[in-house]
């Protein structure tokens, strides 16, 4: 149960990092018009990645919630 929570927390951290990267890409795309020093940003890909990572984040939260529910059930059995 603890390993499930650890894995989920790692997933939350990864999703958060990826969301930050996508957000920076989207923001830089709006300020990078005509700038030849930076490569063009694929805004569509960044938006898709934002959606994917939001689903990953929600899934990891569900894992933590399920592990918490299981732990509470075990405590109820013990008492």
PDB file of N, CA and C in Angstrom:
ATOM      1  N   UNK A   1       0.824  -1.183   0.000  1.00  0.00           N
ATOM      2  CA  UNK A   1       0.000   0.000   0.000  1.00  0.00           C
ATOM      3  C   UNK A   1       0.874   1.255   0.000  1.00  0.00           C
ATOM      4  N   UNK A   2       1.942   1.231   0.775  1.00  0.00           N
ATOM      5  CA  UNK A   2       2.841   2.377   0.825  1.00  0.00           C
ATOM      6  C   UNK A   2       3.519   2.569  -0.526  1.00  0.00           C
ATOM      7  N   UNK A   3       3.877   1.463  -1.191  1.00  0.00           N
ATOM      8  CA  UNK A   3       4.530   1.596  -2.496  1.00  0.00           C
ATOM      9  C   UNK A   3       3.572   2.181  -3.528  1.00  0.00           C
ATOM     10  N   UNK A   4       2.279   1.874  -3.411  1.00  0.00           N
ATOM     11  CA  UNK A   4       1.296   2.462  -4.324  1.00  0.00           C
ATOM     12  C   UNK A   4       1.236   3.972  -4.130  1.00  0.00           C
ATOM     13  N   UNK A   5       1.262   4.398  -2.886  1.00  0.00           N
ATOM     14  CA  UNK A   5       1.224   5.831  -2.609  1.00  0.00           C
ATOM     15  C   UNK A   5       2.510   6.497  -3.092  1.00  0.00           C
ATOM     16  N   UNK A   6       3.638   5.852  -2.851  1.00  0.00           N
ATOM     17  CA  UNK A   6       4.921   6.396  -3.313  1.00  0.00           C
ATOM     18  C   UNK A   6       4.940   6.530  -4.832  1.00  0.00           C
ATOM     19  N   UNK A   7       4.474   5.508  -5.510  1.00  0.00           N
ATOM     20  CA  UNK A   7       4.421   5.544  -6.971  1.00  0.00           C
ATOM     21  C   UNK A   7       3.489   6.645  -7.447  1.00  0.00           C
ATOM     22  N   UNK A   8       2.350   6.784  -6.791  1.00  0.00           N
ATOM     23  CA  UNK A   8       1.394   7.819  -7.177  1.00  0.00           C
ATOM     24  C   UNK A   8       1.960   9.218  -6.938  1.00  0.00           C
ATOM     25  N   UNK A   9       2.653   9.403  -5.833  1.00  0.00           N
ATOM     26  CA  UNK A   9       3.259  10.712  -5.555  1.00  0.00           C
ATOM     27  C   UNK A   9       4.330  11.026  -6.602  1.00  0.00           C
ATOM     28  N   UNK A  10       5.114  10.038  -6.975  1.00  0.00           N
ATOM     29  CA  UNK A  10       6.102  10.244  -8.039  1.00  0.00           C
ATOM     30  C   UNK A  10       5.406  10.612  -9.346  1.00  0.00           C
ATOM     31  N   UNK A  11       4.280   9.954  -9.618  1.00  0.00           N
ATOM     32  CA  UNK A  11       3.504  10.284 -10.812  1.00  0.00           C
ATOM     33  C   UNK A  11       2.967  11.700 -10.768  1.00  0.00           C
ATOM     34  N   UNK A  12       2.508  12.137  -9.577  1.00  0.00           N
ATOM     35  CA  UNK A  12       2.032  13.514  -9.418  1.00  0.00           C
ATOM     36  C   UNK A  12       3.155  14.508  -9.698  1.00  0.00           C
ATOM     37  N   UNK A  13       4.329  14.213  -9.180  1.00  0.00           N
ATOM     38  CA  UNK A  13       5.481  15.095  -9.416  1.00  0.00           C
ATOM     39  C   UNK A  13       5.839  15.159 -10.901  1.00  0.00           C
ATOM     40  N   UNK A  14       5.836  14.003 -11.562  1.00  0.00           N
ATOM     41  CA  UNK A  14       6.159  13.969 -12.991  1.00  0.00           C
ATOM     42  C   UNK A  14       5.116  14.721 -13.804  1.00  0.00           C
ATOM     43  N   UNK A  15       3.840  14.503 -13.485  1.00  0.00           N
ATOM     44  CA  UNK A  15       2.776  15.199 -14.209  1.00  0.00           C
ATOM     45  C   UNK A  15       2.886  16.702 -14.004  1.00  0.00           C
ATOM     46  N   UNK A  16       3.202  17.098 -12.790  1.00  0.00           N
ATOM     47  CA  UNK A  16       3.352  18.521 -12.493  1.00  0.00           C
ATOM     48  C   UNK A  16       4.497  19.137 -13.293  1.00  0.00           C
ATOM     49  N   UNK A  17       5.613  18.427 -13.377  1.00  0.00           N
ATOM     50  CA  UNK A  17       6.760  18.920 -14.148  1.00  0.00           C
ATOM     51  C   UNK A  17       6.413  19.040 -15.635  1.00  0.00           C
ATOM     52  N   UNK A  18       5.722  18.025 -16.149  1.00  0.00           N
ATOM     53  CA  UNK A  18       5.349  18.052 -17.565  1.00  0.00           C
ATOM     54  C   UNK A  18       4.335  19.160 -17.857  1.00  0.00           C
ATOM     55  N   UNK A  19       3.412  19.385 -16.922  1.00  0.00           N
ATOM     56  CA  UNK A  19       2.453  20.485 -17.090  1.00  0.00           C
ATOM     57  C   UNK A  19       3.189  21.824 -17.128  1.00  0.00           C
ATOM     58  N   UNK A  20       4.185  21.959 -16.275  1.00  0.00           N
ATOM     59  CA  UNK A  20       4.968  23.200 -16.248  1.00  0.00           C
ATOM     60  C   UNK A  20       5.710  23.406 -17.568  1.00  0.00           C
ATOM     61  N   UNK A  21       6.285  22.343 -18.093  1.00  0.00           N
ATOM     62  CA  UNK A  21       6.995  22.429 -19.375  1.00  0.00           C
ATOM     63  C   UNK A  21       6.030  22.845 -20.484  1.00  0.00           C
ATOM     64  N   UNK A  22       4.857  22.200 -20.534  1.00  0.00           N
ATOM     65  CA  UNK A  22       3.879  22.537 -21.570  1.00  0.00           C
ATOM     66  C   UNK A  22       3.393  23.968 -21.429  1.00  0.00           C
ATOM     67  N   UNK A  23       3.164  24.401 -20.197  1.00  0.00           N
ATOM     68  CA  UNK A  23       2.708  25.774 -19.968  1.00  0.00           C
ATOM     69  C   UNK A  23       3.754  26.779 -20.441  1.00  0.00           C
ATOM     70  N   UNK A  24       5.022  26.501 -20.176  1.00  0.00           N
ATOM     71  CA  UNK A  24       6.094  27.393 -20.635  1.00  0.00           C
ATOM     72  C   UNK A  24       6.169  27.421 -22.155  1.00  0.00           C
ATOM     73  N   UNK A  25       5.963  26.255 -22.789  1.00  0.00           N
ATOM     74  CA  UNK A  25       5.987  26.204 -24.247  1.00  0.00           C
ATOM     75  C   UNK A  25       4.842  27.026 -24.841  1.00  0.00           C
ATOM     76  N   UNK A  26       3.666  26.899 -24.250  1.00  0.00           N
ATOM     77  CA  UNK A  26       2.517  27.655 -24.743  1.00  0.00           C
ATOM     78  C   UNK A  26       2.748  29.154 -24.549  1.00  0.00           C
ATOM     79  N   UNK A  27       3.255  29.523 -23.387  1.00  0.00           N
ATOM     80  CA  UNK A  27       3.521  30.938 -23.114  1.00  0.00           C
ATOM     81  C   UNK A  27       4.591  31.493 -24.046  1.00  0.00           C
ATOM     82  N   UNK A  28       5.621  30.712 -24.294  1.00  0.00           N
ATOM     83  CA  UNK A  28       6.689  31.206 -25.163  1.00  0.00           C
ATOM     84  C   UNK A  28       6.224  31.303 -26.611  1.00  0.00           C
ATOM     85  N   UNK A  29       5.272  30.487 -26.991  1.00  0.00           N
ATOM     86  CA  UNK A  29       4.759  30.545 -28.362  1.00  0.00           C
ATOM     87  C   UNK A  29       4.052  31.866 -28.612  1.00  0.00           C
ATOM     88  N   UNK A  30       3.382  32.380 -27.599  1.00  0.00           N
ATOM     89  CA  UNK A  30       2.667  33.641 -27.784  1.00  0.00           C
ATOM     90  C   UNK A  30       3.609  34.838 -27.792  1.00  0.00           C
ATOM     91  N   UNK A  31       4.788  34.680 -27.230  1.00  0.00           N
ATOM     92  CA  UNK A  31       5.757  35.787 -27.207  1.00  0.00           C
ATOM     93  C   UNK A  31       6.881  35.589 -28.210  1.00  0.00           C
ATOM     94  N   UNK A  32       6.842  34.478 -28.940  1.00  0.00           N
ATOM     95  CA  UNK A  32       7.942  34.128 -29.845  1.00  0.00           C
ATOM     96  C   UNK A  32       7.573  34.393 -31.306  1.00  0.00           C
ATOM     97  N   UNK A  33       6.717  35.333 -31.567  1.00  0.00           N
ATOM     98  CA  UNK A  33       6.306  35.596 -32.944  1.00  0.00           C
ATOM     99  C   UNK A  33       7.420  36.320 -33.687  1.00  0.00           C
ATOM    100  N   UNK A  34       7.923  35.685 -34.720  1.00  0.00           N
ATOM    101  CA  UNK A  34       8.949  36.284 -35.550  1.00  0.00           C
ATOM    102  C   UNK A  34      10.354  36.220 -34.994  1.00  0.00           C
ATOM    103  N   UNK A  35      10.543  35.592 -33.855  1.00  0.00           N
ATOM    104  CA  UNK A  35      11.881  35.498 -33.257  1.00  0.00           C
ATOM    105  C   UNK A  35      12.621  34.328 -33.897  1.00  0.00           C
ATOM    106  N   UNK A  36      13.713  34.619 -34.555  1.00  0.00           N
ATOM    107  CA  UNK A  36      14.457  33.574 -35.263  1.00  0.00           C
ATOM    108  C   UNK A  36      15.455  32.844 -34.380  1.00  0.00           C
ATOM    109  N   UNK A  37      15.700  33.339 -33.161  1.00  0.00           N
ATOM    110  CA  UNK A  37      16.721  32.712 -32.318  1.00  0.00           C
ATOM    111  C   UNK A  37      16.197  31.486 -31.591  1.00  0.00           C
ATOM    112  N   UNK A  38      14.882  31.362 -31.462  1.00  0.00           N
ATOM    113  CA  UNK A  38      14.304  30.203 -30.782  1.00  0.00           C
ATOM    114  C   UNK A  38      13.506  29.365 -31.776  1.00  0.00           C
ATOM    115  N   UNK A  39      13.572  28.049 -31.632  1.00  0.00           N
ATOM    116  CA  UNK A  39      12.818  27.202 -32.560  1.00  0.00           C
ATOM    117  C   UNK A  39      11.315  27.381 -32.339  1.00  0.00           C
ATOM    118  N   UNK A  40      10.534  27.132 -33.382  1.00  0.00           N
ATOM    119  CA  UNK A  40       9.083  27.271 -33.228  1.00  0.00           C
ATOM    120  C   UNK A  40       8.531  26.240 -32.252  1.00  0.00           C
ATOM    121  N   UNK A  41       7.483  26.620 -31.549  1.00  0.00           N
ATOM    122  CA  UNK A  41       6.856  25.743 -30.564  1.00  0.00           C
ATOM    123  C   UNK A  41       5.622  25.118 -31.186  1.00  0.00           C
ATOM    124  N   UNK A  42       5.472  23.816 -31.008  1.00  0.00           N
ATOM    125  CA  UNK A  42       4.276  23.117 -31.471  1.00  0.00           C
ATOM    126  C   UNK A  42       3.198  23.270 -30.400  1.00  0.00           C
ATOM    127  N   UNK A  43       2.368  24.293 -30.556  1.00  0.00           N
ATOM    128  CA  UNK A  43       1.362  24.616 -29.549  1.00  0.00           C
ATOM    129  C   UNK A  43       0.342  23.482 -29.415  1.00  0.00           C
ATOM    130  N   UNK A  44      -0.031  22.891 -30.542  1.00  0.00           N
ATOM    131  CA  UNK A  44      -1.004  21.795 -30.488  1.00  0.00           C
ATOM    132  C   UNK A  44      -0.479  20.644 -29.637  1.00  0.00           C
ATOM    133  N   UNK A  45       0.773  20.297 -29.837  1.00  0.00           N
ATOM    134  CA  UNK A  45       1.377  19.212 -29.060  1.00  0.00           C
ATOM    135  C   UNK A  45       1.434  19.584 -27.582  1.00  0.00           C
ATOM    136  N   UNK A  46       1.783  20.830 -27.287  1.00  0.00           N
ATOM    137  CA  UNK A  46       1.845  21.277 -25.895  1.00  0.00           C
ATOM    138  C   UNK A  46       0.457  21.224 -25.247  1.00  0.00           C
ATOM    139  N   UNK A  47      -0.573  21.607 -25.979  1.00  0.00           N
ATOM    140  CA  UNK A  47      -1.941  21.539 -25.446  1.00  0.00           C
ATOM    141  C   UNK A  47      -2.379  20.093 -25.208  1.00  0.00           C
ATOM    142  N   UNK A  48      -2.032  19.217 -26.141  1.00  0.00           N
ATOM    143  CA  UNK A  48      -2.359  17.794 -25.974  1.00  0.00           C
ATOM    144  C   UNK A  48      -1.643  17.231 -24.750  1.00  0.00           C
ATOM    145  N   UNK A  49      -0.360  17.576 -24.606  1.00  0.00           N
ATOM    146  CA  UNK A  49       0.398  17.114 -23.444  1.00  0.00           C
ATOM    147  C   UNK A  49      -0.213  17.632 -22.142  1.00  0.00           C
ATOM    148  N   UNK A  50      -0.733  18.861 -22.173  1.00  0.00           N
ATOM    149  CA  UNK A  50      -1.393  19.413 -20.994  1.00  0.00           C
ATOM    150  C   UNK A  50      -2.594  18.565 -20.609  1.00  0.00           C
ATOM    151  N   UNK A  51      -3.383  18.176 -21.602  1.00  0.00           N
ATOM    152  CA  UNK A  51      -4.544  17.322 -21.314  1.00  0.00           C
ATOM    153  C   UNK A  51      -4.121  15.951 -20.795  1.00  0.00           C
ATOM    154  N   UNK A  52      -3.122  15.363 -21.422  1.00  0.00           N
ATOM    155  CA  UNK A  52      -2.646  14.042 -20.994  1.00  0.00           C
ATOM    156  C   UNK A  52      -2.163  14.094 -19.553  1.00  0.00           C
ATOM    157  N   UNK A  53      -1.367  15.093 -19.234  1.00  0.00           N
ATOM    158  CA  UNK A  53      -0.825  15.181 -17.878  1.00  0.00           C
ATOM    159  C   UNK A  53      -1.903  15.486 -16.840  1.00  0.00           C
ATOM    160  N   UNK A  54      -2.941  16.207 -17.237  1.00  0.00           N
ATOM    161  CA  UNK A  54      -4.036  16.435 -16.282  1.00  0.00           C
ATOM    162  C   UNK A  54      -4.752  15.123 -15.981  1.00  0.00           C
ATOM    163  N   UNK A  55      -4.903  14.260 -16.986  1.00  0.00           N
ATOM    164  CA  UNK A  55      -5.492  12.933 -16.741  1.00  0.00           C
ATOM    165  C   UNK A  55      -4.564  12.078 -15.882  1.00  0.00           C
ATOM    166  N   UNK A  56      -3.266  12.144 -16.146  1.00  0.00           N
ATOM    167  CA  UNK A  56      -2.301  11.403 -15.323  1.00  0.00           C
ATOM    168  C   UNK A  56      -2.373  11.865 -13.868  1.00  0.00           C
ATOM    169  N   UNK A  57      -2.470  13.173 -13.680  1.00  0.00           N
ATOM    170  CA  UNK A  57      -2.549  13.743 -12.342  1.00  0.00           C
ATOM    171  C   UNK A  57      -3.787  13.216 -11.622  1.00  0.00           C
ATOM    172  N   UNK A  58      -4.933  13.241 -12.306  1.00  0.00           N
ATOM    173  CA  UNK A  58      -6.191  12.755 -11.717  1.00  0.00           C
ATOM    174  C   UNK A  58      -6.106  11.263 -11.393  1.00  0.00           C
ATOM    175  N   UNK A  59      -5.480  10.495 -12.265  1.00  0.00           N
ATOM    176  CA  UNK A  59      -5.342   9.055 -12.027  1.00  0.00           C
ATOM    177  C   UNK A  59      -4.479   8.781 -10.808  1.00  0.00           C
ATOM    178  N   UNK A  60      -3.402   9.523 -10.664  1.00  0.00           N
ATOM    179  CA  UNK A  60      -2.529   9.351  -9.497  1.00  0.00           C
ATOM    180  C   UNK A  60      -3.258   9.726  -8.207  1.00  0.00           C
ATOM    181  N   UNK A  61      -4.082  10.756  -8.273  1.00  0.00           N
ATOM    182  CA  UNK A  61      -4.879  11.118  -7.094  1.00  0.00           C
ATOM    183  C   UNK A  61      -5.857  10.000  -6.728  1.00  0.00           C
ATOM    184  N   UNK A  62      -6.438   9.352  -7.736  1.00  0.00           N
ATOM    185  CA  UNK A  62      -7.352   8.239  -7.477  1.00  0.00           C
ATOM    186  C   UNK A  62      -6.619   7.068  -6.822  1.00  0.00           C
ATOM    187  N   UNK A  63      -5.377   6.827  -7.216  1.00  0.00           N
ATOM    188  CA  UNK A  63      -4.584   5.757  -6.605  1.00  0.00           C
ATOM    189  C   UNK A  63      -4.366   6.053  -5.128  1.00  0.00           C
ATOM    190  N   UNK A  64      -4.025   7.295  -4.821  1.00  0.00           N
ATOM    191  CA  UNK A  64      -3.820   7.678  -3.420  1.00  0.00           C
ATOM    192  C   UNK A  64      -5.116   7.538  -2.639  1.00  0.00           C
ATOM    193  N   UNK A  65      -6.217   7.959  -3.235  1.00  0.00           N
ATOM    194  CA  UNK A  65      -7.514   7.848  -2.568  1.00  0.00           C
ATOM    195  C   UNK A  65      -7.879   6.382  -2.317  1.00  0.00           C
ATOM    196  N   UNK A  66      -7.640   5.525  -3.293  1.00  0.00           N
ATOM    197  CA  UNK A  66      -7.943   4.104  -3.133  1.00  0.00           C
ATOM    198  C   UNK A  66      -7.066   3.480  -2.048  1.00  0.00           C
ATOM    199  N   UNK A  67      -5.794   3.830  -2.025  1.00  0.00           N
ATOM    200  CA  UNK A  67      -4.897   3.295  -0.995  1.00  0.00           C
ATOM    201  C   UNK A  67      -5.333   3.773   0.386  1.00  0.00           C
ATOM    202  N   UNK A  68      -5.762   5.015   0.481  1.00  0.00           N
ATOM    203  CA  UNK A  68      -6.252   5.551   1.750  1.00  0.00           C
ATOM    204  C   UNK A  68      -7.519   4.822   2.197  1.00  0.00           C
ATOM    205  N   UNK A  69      -8.431   4.579   1.265  1.00  0.00           N
ATOM    206  CA  UNK A  69      -9.657   3.842   1.590  1.00  0.00           C
ATOM    207  C   UNK A  69      -9.342   2.424   2.063  1.00  0.00           C
ATOM    208  N   UNK A  70      -8.382   1.776   1.385  1.00  0.00           N
ATOM    209  CA  UNK A  70      -7.980   0.427   1.795  1.00  0.00           C
ATOM    210  C   UNK A  70      -7.367   0.435   3.190  1.00  0.00           C
ATOM    211  N   UNK A  71      -6.544   1.422   3.459  1.00  0.00           N
ATOM    212  CA  UNK A  71      -5.916   1.532   4.777  1.00  0.00           C
ATOM    213  C   UNK A  71      -6.981   1.729   5.860  1.00  0.00           C
ATOM    214  N   UNK A  72      -7.967   2.583   5.578  1.00  0.00           N
ATOM    215  CA  UNK A  72      -9.049   2.797   6.544  1.00  0.00           C
ATOM    216  C   UNK A  72      -9.851   1.519   6.775  1.00  0.00           C
ATOM    217  N   UNK A  73     -10.059   0.749   5.702  1.00  0.00           N
ATOM    218  CA  UNK A  73     -10.770  -0.519   5.856  1.00  0.00           C
ATOM    219  C   UNK A  73      -9.990  -1.498   6.716  1.00  0.00           C
ATOM    220  N   UNK A  74      -8.676  -1.534   6.532  1.00  0.00           N
ATOM    221  CA  UNK A  74      -7.846  -2.401   7.363  1.00  0.00           C
ATOM    222  C   UNK A  74      -7.897  -1.994   8.821  1.00  0.00           C
ATOM    223  N   UNK A  75      -7.917  -0.691   9.083  1.00  0.00           N
ATOM    224  CA  UNK A  75      -8.018  -0.208  10.445  1.00  0.00           C
ATOM    225  C   UNK A  75      -9.365  -0.586  11.063  1.00  0.00           C
ATOM    226  N   UNK A  76     -10.416  -0.524  10.262  1.00  0.00           N
ATOM    227  CA  UNK A  76     -11.738  -0.905  10.761  1.00  0.00           C
ATOM    228  C   UNK A  76     -11.794  -2.385  11.111  1.00  0.00           C
ATOM    229  N   UNK A  77     -11.132  -3.221  10.330  1.00  0.00           N
ATOM    230  CA  UNK A  77     -11.092  -4.670  10.610  1.00  0.00           C
ATOM    231  C   UNK A  77     -10.334  -4.931  11.887  1.00  0.00           C
ATOM    232  N   UNK A  78      -9.250  -4.206  12.126  1.00  0.00           N
ATOM    233  CA  UNK A  78      -8.418  -4.413  13.325  1.00  0.00           C
ATOM    234  C   UNK A  78      -9.137  -4.007  14.605  1.00  0.00           C
ATOM    235  N   UNK A  79     -10.036  -3.052  14.521  1.00  0.00           N
ATOM    236  CA  UNK A  79     -10.684  -2.557  15.743  1.00  0.00           C
ATOM    237  C   UNK A  79     -11.993  -3.235  16.030  1.00  0.00           C
TER     238      UNK A  79
END
